[in-house]
Amino acid sequence: MTTNHVFITGGSRGIGAAAVLAFARAGYDVAFTYNAHPDAAEAVLRRAAAAAQGGRFLAIQADAGDSAQVQAAVEQ
């Protein structure tokens, strides 16, 4: 079985968080970046794990406006 993966920038709040949760519910493994809200990112991780038991989720602190930080996040 193939596992689908998605990478979302700005996944700790608003539309980004909604996207993380929607992909989690759809069975995707989700990695997402956040910049300044680690508590919100942790909350999204908990909600994603609850929505999709067995999924893999990763929150990475990175500024989406900094290409070097985004590249490092993608490499993770």
PDB file of N, CA and C in Angstrom:
ATOM      1  N   MET A   1       0.840  -1.177   0.000  1.00  0.00           N
ATOM      2  CA  MET A   1       0.000   0.000   0.000  1.00  0.00           C
ATOM      3  C   MET A   1       0.888   1.245   0.000  1.00  0.00           C
ATOM      4  N   THR A   2       0.562   2.203  -0.814  1.00  0.00           N
ATOM      5  CA  THR A   2       1.314   3.436  -0.909  1.00  0.00           C
ATOM      6  C   THR A   2       0.799   4.442   0.113  1.00  0.00           C
ATOM      7  N   THR A   3       1.735   5.086   0.818  1.00  0.00           N
ATOM      8  CA  THR A   3       1.363   6.145   1.749  1.00  0.00           C
ATOM      9  C   THR A   3       1.583   7.479   1.067  1.00  0.00           C
ATOM     10  N   ASN A   4       0.605   8.338   1.141  1.00  0.00           N
ATOM     11  CA  ASN A   4       0.727   9.672   0.574  1.00  0.00           C
ATOM     12  C   ASN A   4       1.283  10.619   1.626  1.00  0.00           C
ATOM     13  N   HIS A   5       2.071  11.564   1.160  1.00  0.00           N
ATOM     14  CA  HIS A   5       2.696  12.545   2.035  1.00  0.00           C
ATOM     15  C   HIS A   5       2.374  13.939   1.530  1.00  0.00           C
ATOM     16  N   VAL A   6       2.280  14.887   2.459  1.00  0.00           N
ATOM     17  CA  VAL A   6       2.060  16.280   2.083  1.00  0.00           C
ATOM     18  C   VAL A   6       2.899  17.160   3.008  1.00  0.00           C
ATOM     19  N   PHE A   7       3.378  18.275   2.458  1.00  0.00           N
ATOM     20  CA  PHE A   7       4.174  19.259   3.185  1.00  0.00           C
ATOM     21  C   PHE A   7       3.434  20.585   3.103  1.00  0.00           C
ATOM     22  N   ILE A   8       3.115  21.160   4.256  1.00  0.00           N
ATOM     23  CA  ILE A   8       2.322  22.392   4.309  1.00  0.00           C
ATOM     24  C   ILE A   8       3.122  23.461   5.037  1.00  0.00           C
ATOM     25  N   THR A   9       3.190  24.648   4.458  1.00  0.00           N
ATOM     26  CA  THR A   9       3.814  25.759   5.170  1.00  0.00           C
ATOM     27  C   THR A   9       2.727  26.503   5.936  1.00  0.00           C
ATOM     28  N   GLY A  10       3.073  26.952   7.137  1.00  0.00           N
ATOM     29  CA  GLY A  10       2.113  27.692   7.957  1.00  0.00           C
ATOM     30  C   GLY A  10       0.986  26.825   8.469  1.00  0.00           C
ATOM     31  N   GLY A  11       1.315  25.663   9.009  1.00  0.00           N
ATOM     32  CA  GLY A  11       0.292  24.711   9.410  1.00  0.00           C
ATOM     33  C   GLY A  11      -0.182  24.793  10.841  1.00  0.00           C
ATOM     34  N   SER A  12       0.245  25.795  11.584  1.00  0.00           N
ATOM     35  CA  SER A  12      -0.135  25.830  12.996  1.00  0.00           C
ATOM     36  C   SER A  12      -1.425  26.580  13.282  1.00  0.00           C
ATOM     37  N   ARG A  13      -1.909  27.358  12.323  1.00  0.00           N
ATOM     38  CA  ARG A  13      -3.109  28.168  12.574  1.00  0.00           C
ATOM     39  C   ARG A  13      -3.911  28.328  11.294  1.00  0.00           C
ATOM     40  N   GLY A  14      -5.147  28.736  11.463  1.00  0.00           N
ATOM     41  CA  GLY A  14      -6.002  29.133  10.352  1.00  0.00           C
ATOM     42  C   GLY A  14      -6.157  28.081   9.265  1.00  0.00           C
ATOM     43  N   ILE A  15      -6.063  28.536   8.013  1.00  0.00           N
ATOM     44  CA  ILE A  15      -6.249  27.661   6.858  1.00  0.00           C
ATOM     45  C   ILE A  15      -5.200  26.561   6.831  1.00  0.00           C
ATOM     46  N   GLY A  16      -3.969  26.889   7.220  1.00  0.00           N
ATOM     47  CA  GLY A  16      -2.912  25.879   7.237  1.00  0.00           C
ATOM     48  C   GLY A  16      -3.228  24.746   8.198  1.00  0.00           C
ATOM     49  N   ALA A  17      -3.692  25.079   9.396  1.00  0.00           N
ATOM     50  CA  ALA A  17      -4.060  24.047  10.373  1.00  0.00           C
ATOM     51  C   ALA A  17      -5.229  23.217   9.853  1.00  0.00           C
ATOM     52  N   ALA A  18      -6.198  23.868   9.233  1.00  0.00           N
ATOM     53  CA  ALA A  18      -7.338  23.140   8.660  1.00  0.00           C
ATOM     54  C   ALA A  18      -6.867  22.178   7.576  1.00  0.00           C
ATOM     55  N   ALA A  19      -5.889  22.599   6.778  1.00  0.00           N
ATOM     56  CA  ALA A  19      -5.350  21.730   5.735  1.00  0.00           C
ATOM     57  C   ALA A  19      -4.631  20.530   6.349  1.00  0.00           C
ATOM     58  N   VAL A  20      -3.838  20.762   7.387  1.00  0.00           N
ATOM     59  CA  VAL A  20      -3.156  19.656   8.063  1.00  0.00           C
ATOM     60  C   VAL A  20      -4.183  18.628   8.525  1.00  0.00           C
ATOM     61  N   LEU A  21      -5.231  19.084   9.180  1.00  0.00           N
ATOM     62  CA  LEU A  21      -6.239  18.168   9.706  1.00  0.00           C
ATOM     63  C   LEU A  21      -7.014  17.465   8.604  1.00  0.00           C
ATOM     64  N   ALA A  22      -7.314  18.170   7.523  1.00  0.00           N
ATOM     65  CA  ALA A  22      -8.039  17.545   6.407  1.00  0.00           C
ATOM     66  C   ALA A  22      -7.184  16.447   5.758  1.00  0.00           C
ATOM     67  N   PHE A  23      -5.911  16.712   5.542  1.00  0.00           N
ATOM     68  CA  PHE A  23      -5.041  15.694   4.965  1.00  0.00           C
ATOM     69  C   PHE A  23      -4.849  14.523   5.927  1.00  0.00           C
ATOM     70  N   ALA A  24      -4.750  14.801   7.225  1.00  0.00           N
ATOM     71  CA  ALA A  24      -4.624  13.727   8.215  1.00  0.00           C
ATOM     72  C   ALA A  24      -5.846  12.815   8.158  1.00  0.00           C
ATOM     73  N   ARG A  25      -7.028  13.409   8.124  1.00  0.00           N
ATOM     74  CA  ARG A  25      -8.266  12.620   8.061  1.00  0.00           C
ATOM     75  C   ARG A  25      -8.347  11.801   6.777  1.00  0.00           C
ATOM     76  N   ALA A  26      -7.732  12.321   5.704  1.00  0.00           N
ATOM     77  CA  ALA A  26      -7.753  11.628   4.418  1.00  0.00           C
ATOM     78  C   ALA A  26      -6.679  10.539   4.331  1.00  0.00           C
ATOM     79  N   GLY A  27      -5.890  10.365   5.402  1.00  0.00           N
ATOM     80  CA  GLY A  27      -4.913   9.285   5.433  1.00  0.00           C
ATOM     81  C   GLY A  27      -3.499   9.652   5.028  1.00  0.00           C
ATOM     82  N   TYR A  28      -3.234  10.929   4.881  1.00  0.00           N
ATOM     83  CA  TYR A  28      -1.889  11.376   4.501  1.00  0.00           C
ATOM     84  C   TYR A  28      -0.986  11.473   5.730  1.00  0.00           C
ATOM     85  N   ASP A  29       0.300  11.240   5.537  1.00  0.00           N
ATOM     86  CA  ASP A  29       1.308  11.645   6.502  1.00  0.00           C
ATOM     87  C   ASP A  29       1.566  13.119   6.222  1.00  0.00           C
ATOM     88  N   VAL A  30       1.647  13.936   7.264  1.00  0.00           N
ATOM     89  CA  VAL A  30       1.727  15.385   7.077  1.00  0.00           C
ATOM     90  C   VAL A  30       2.914  15.972   7.834  1.00  0.00           C
ATOM     91  N   ALA A  31       3.727  16.729   7.112  1.00  0.00           N
ATOM     92  CA  ALA A  31       4.751  17.566   7.732  1.00  0.00           C
ATOM     93  C   ALA A  31       4.323  19.005   7.484  1.00  0.00           C
ATOM     94  N   PHE A  32       4.505  19.850   8.501  1.00  0.00           N
ATOM     95  CA  PHE A  32       4.144  21.245   8.304  1.00  0.00           C
ATOM     96  C   PHE A  32       5.111  22.148   9.056  1.00  0.00           C
ATOM     97  N   THR A  33       5.211  23.372   8.537  1.00  0.00           N
ATOM     98  CA  THR A  33       6.048  24.360   9.201  1.00  0.00           C
ATOM     99  C   THR A  33       5.184  25.296  10.026  1.00  0.00           C
ATOM    100  N   TYR A  34       5.832  25.883  11.010  1.00  0.00           N
ATOM    101  CA  TYR A  34       5.254  26.970  11.792  1.00  0.00           C
ATOM    102  C   TYR A  34       6.401  27.909  12.086  1.00  0.00           C
ATOM    103  N   ASN A  35       6.088  29.162  12.353  1.00  0.00           N
ATOM    104  CA  ASN A  35       7.165  30.111  12.598  1.00  0.00           C
ATOM    105  C   ASN A  35       7.229  30.538  14.055  1.00  0.00           C
ATOM    106  N   ALA A  36       6.131  31.029  14.591  1.00  0.00           N
ATOM    107  CA  ALA A  36       6.209  31.681  15.899  1.00  0.00           C
ATOM    108  C   ALA A  36       5.200  31.166  16.925  1.00  0.00           C
ATOM    109  N   HIS A  37       4.570  30.051  16.659  1.00  0.00           N
ATOM    110  CA  HIS A  37       3.522  29.566  17.563  1.00  0.00           C
ATOM    111  C   HIS A  37       3.717  28.086  17.881  1.00  0.00           C
ATOM    112  N   PRO A  38       4.742  27.745  18.665  1.00  0.00           N
ATOM    113  CA  PRO A  38       4.999  26.328  18.951  1.00  0.00           C
ATOM    114  C   PRO A  38       3.851  25.646  19.698  1.00  0.00           C
ATOM    115  N   ASP A  39       3.170  26.344  20.586  1.00  0.00           N
ATOM    116  CA  ASP A  39       2.050  25.735  21.309  1.00  0.00           C
ATOM    117  C   ASP A  39       0.915  25.387  20.350  1.00  0.00           C
ATOM    118  N   ALA A  40       0.662  26.267  19.394  1.00  0.00           N
ATOM    119  CA  ALA A  40      -0.374  25.996  18.394  1.00  0.00           C
ATOM    120  C   ALA A  40       0.031  24.811  17.519  1.00  0.00           C
ATOM    121  N   ALA A  41       1.309  24.728  17.166  1.00  0.00           N
ATOM    122  CA  ALA A  41       1.790  23.607  16.352  1.00  0.00           C
ATOM    123  C   ALA A  41       1.611  22.289  17.103  1.00  0.00           C
ATOM    124  N   GLU A  42       1.934  22.276  18.382  1.00  0.00           N
ATOM    125  CA  GLU A  42       1.755  21.062  19.190  1.00  0.00           C
ATOM    126  C   GLU A  42       0.288  20.670  19.263  1.00  0.00           C
ATOM    127  N   ALA A  43      -0.591  21.653  19.372  1.00  0.00           N
ATOM    128  CA  ALA A  43      -2.029  21.363  19.412  1.00  0.00           C
ATOM    129  C   ALA A  43      -2.494  20.742  18.098  1.00  0.00           C
ATOM    130  N   VAL A  44      -1.998  21.258  16.980  1.00  0.00           N
ATOM    131  CA  VAL A  44      -2.360  20.697  15.673  1.00  0.00           C
ATOM    132  C   VAL A  44      -1.840  19.263  15.561  1.00  0.00           C
ATOM    133  N   LEU A  45      -0.620  19.006  16.032  1.00  0.00           N
ATOM    134  CA  LEU A  45      -0.087  17.642  16.016  1.00  0.00           C
ATOM    135  C   LEU A  45      -0.988  16.693  16.805  1.00  0.00           C
ATOM    136  N   ARG A  46      -1.419  17.116  17.985  1.00  0.00           N
ATOM    137  CA  ARG A  46      -2.297  16.271  18.797  1.00  0.00           C
ATOM    138  C   ARG A  46      -3.634  16.012  18.095  1.00  0.00           C
ATOM    139  N   ARG A  47      -4.190  17.058  17.506  1.00  0.00           N
ATOM    140  CA  ARG A  47      -5.480  16.902  16.813  1.00  0.00           C
ATOM    141  C   ARG A  47      -5.340  15.990  15.593  1.00  0.00           C
ATOM    142  N   ALA A  48      -4.232  16.126  14.855  1.00  0.00           N
ATOM    143  CA  ALA A  48      -4.008  15.273  13.680  1.00  0.00           C
ATOM    144  C   ALA A  48      -3.866  13.813  14.100  1.00  0.00           C
ATOM    145  N   ALA A  49      -3.092  13.575  15.160  1.00  0.00           N
ATOM    146  CA  ALA A  49      -2.905  12.201  15.639  1.00  0.00           C
ATOM    147  C   ALA A  49      -4.225  11.595  16.105  1.00  0.00           C
ATOM    148  N   ALA A  50      -5.066  12.390  16.738  1.00  0.00           N
ATOM    149  CA  ALA A  50      -6.366  11.898  17.188  1.00  0.00           C
ATOM    150  C   ALA A  50      -7.292  11.612  16.009  1.00  0.00           C
ATOM    151  N   ALA A  51      -7.162  12.398  14.951  1.00  0.00           N
ATOM    152  CA  ALA A  51      -8.026  12.249  13.777  1.00  0.00           C
ATOM    153  C   ALA A  51      -7.611  11.076  12.901  1.00  0.00           C
ATOM    154  N   ALA A  52      -6.342  10.709  12.955  1.00  0.00           N
ATOM    155  CA  ALA A  52      -5.834   9.672  12.057  1.00  0.00           C
ATOM    156  C   ALA A  52      -4.851   8.781  12.803  1.00  0.00           C
ATOM    157  N   GLN A  53      -5.370   7.846  13.557  1.00  0.00           N
ATOM    158  CA  GLN A  53      -4.528   6.920  14.302  1.00  0.00           C
ATOM    159  C   GLN A  53      -3.589   6.203  13.331  1.00  0.00           C
ATOM    160  N   GLY A  54      -2.319   6.163  13.680  1.00  0.00           N
ATOM    161  CA  GLY A  54      -1.343   5.484  12.836  1.00  0.00           C
ATOM    162  C   GLY A  54      -0.683   6.382  11.813  1.00  0.00           C
ATOM    163  N   GLY A  55      -1.173   7.604  11.667  1.00  0.00           N
ATOM    164  CA  GLY A  55      -0.541   8.539  10.729  1.00  0.00           C
ATOM    165  C   GLY A  55       0.753   9.081  11.314  1.00  0.00           C
ATOM    166  N   ARG A  56       1.560   9.661  10.462  1.00  0.00           N
ATOM    167  CA  ARG A  56       2.809  10.274  10.916  1.00  0.00           C
ATOM    168  C   ARG A  56       2.713  11.772  10.663  1.00  0.00           C
ATOM    169  N   PHE A  57       3.050  12.545  11.700  1.00  0.00           N
ATOM    170  CA  PHE A  57       2.911  13.990  11.634  1.00  0.00           C
ATOM    171  C   PHE A  57       4.145  14.641  12.215  1.00  0.00           C
ATOM    172  N   LEU A  58       4.595  15.713  11.568  1.00  0.00           N
ATOM    173  CA  LEU A  58       5.814  16.388  11.979  1.00  0.00           C
ATOM    174  C   LEU A  58       5.627  17.890  11.854  1.00  0.00           C
ATOM    175  N   ALA A  59       5.911  18.619  12.926  1.00  0.00           N
ATOM    176  CA  ALA A  59       5.892  20.087  12.918  1.00  0.00           C
ATOM    177  C   ALA A  59       7.342  20.561  12.942  1.00  0.00           C
ATOM    178  N   ILE A  60       7.683  21.474  12.053  1.00  0.00           N
ATOM    179  CA  ILE A  60       9.047  21.967  11.914  1.00  0.00           C
ATOM    180  C   ILE A  60       9.034  23.489  12.012  1.00  0.00           C
ATOM    181  N   GLN A  61       9.823  24.030  12.922  1.00  0.00           N
ATOM    182  CA  GLN A  61       9.905  25.486  13.017  1.00  0.00           C
ATOM    183  C   GLN A  61      10.752  26.009  11.865  1.00  0.00           C
ATOM    184  N   ALA A  62      10.138  26.838  11.027  1.00  0.00           N
ATOM    185  CA  ALA A  62      10.826  27.421   9.878  1.00  0.00           C
ATOM    186  C   ALA A  62      10.032  28.622   9.385  1.00  0.00           C
ATOM    187  N   ASP A  63      10.733  29.639   8.935  1.00  0.00           N
ATOM    188  CA  ASP A  63      10.113  30.822   8.342  1.00  0.00           C
ATOM    189  C   ASP A  63       9.943  30.565   6.855  1.00  0.00           C
ATOM    190  N   ALA A  64       8.692  30.485   6.395  1.00  0.00           N
ATOM    191  CA  ALA A  64       8.414  30.186   4.981  1.00  0.00           C
ATOM    192  C   ALA A  64       8.934  31.268   4.049  1.00  0.00           C
ATOM    193  N   GLY A  65       9.259  32.438   4.569  1.00  0.00           N
ATOM    194  CA  GLY A  65       9.828  33.509   3.750  1.00  0.00           C
ATOM    195  C   GLY A  65      11.332  33.395   3.572  1.00  0.00           C
ATOM    196  N   ASP A  66      11.947  32.421   4.220  1.00  0.00           N
ATOM    197  CA  ASP A  66      13.397  32.217   4.150  1.00  0.00           C
ATOM    198  C   ASP A  66      13.652  30.909   3.411  1.00  0.00           C
ATOM    199  N   SER A  67      14.133  31.004   2.188  1.00  0.00           N
ATOM    200  CA  SER A  67      14.281  29.803   1.354  1.00  0.00           C
ATOM    201  C   SER A  67      15.230  28.774   1.966  1.00  0.00           C
ATOM    202  N   ALA A  68      16.263  29.214   2.672  1.00  0.00           N
ATOM    203  CA  ALA A  68      17.182  28.264   3.298  1.00  0.00           C
ATOM    204  C   ALA A  68      16.473  27.471   4.398  1.00  0.00           C
ATOM    205  N   GLN A  69      15.621  28.139   5.170  1.00  0.00           N
ATOM    206  CA  GLN A  69      14.875  27.435   6.218  1.00  0.00           C
ATOM    207  C   GLN A  69      13.875  26.457   5.623  1.00  0.00           C
ATOM    208  N   VAL A  70      13.234  26.857   4.536  1.00  0.00           N
ATOM    209  CA  VAL A  70      12.279  25.957   3.871  1.00  0.00           C
ATOM    210  C   VAL A  70      13.014  24.744   3.318  1.00  0.00           C
ATOM    211  N   GLN A  71      14.159  24.956   2.686  1.00  0.00           N
ATOM    212  CA  GLN A  71      14.939  23.831   2.146  1.00  0.00           C
ATOM    213  C   GLN A  71      15.333  22.869   3.258  1.00  0.00           C
ATOM    214  N   ALA A  72      15.777  23.412   4.391  1.00  0.00           N
ATOM    215  CA  ALA A  72      16.155  22.551   5.523  1.00  0.00           C
ATOM    216  C   ALA A  72      14.944  21.790   6.042  1.00  0.00           C
ATOM    217  N   ALA A  73      13.784  22.422   6.068  1.00  0.00           N
ATOM    218  CA  ALA A  73      12.569  21.750   6.523  1.00  0.00           C
ATOM    219  C   ALA A  73      12.193  20.618   5.573  1.00  0.00           C
ATOM    220  N   VAL A  74      12.292  20.852   4.285  1.00  0.00           N
ATOM    221  CA  VAL A  74      11.974  19.831   3.293  1.00  0.00           C
ATOM    222  C   VAL A  74      12.927  18.635   3.448  1.00  0.00           C
ATOM    223  N   GLU A  75      14.181  18.910   3.712  1.00  0.00           N
ATOM    224  CA  GLU A  75      15.163  17.841   3.891  1.00  0.00           C
ATOM    225  C   GLU A  75      14.862  16.996   5.113  1.00  0.00           C
ATOM    226  N   GLN A  76      14.248  17.601   6.129  1.00  0.00           N
ATOM    227  CA  GLN A  76      13.867  16.832   7.321  1.00  0.00           C
ATOM    228  C   GLN A  76      12.803  15.832   6.957  1.00  0.00           C
TER     229      GLN A  76
END
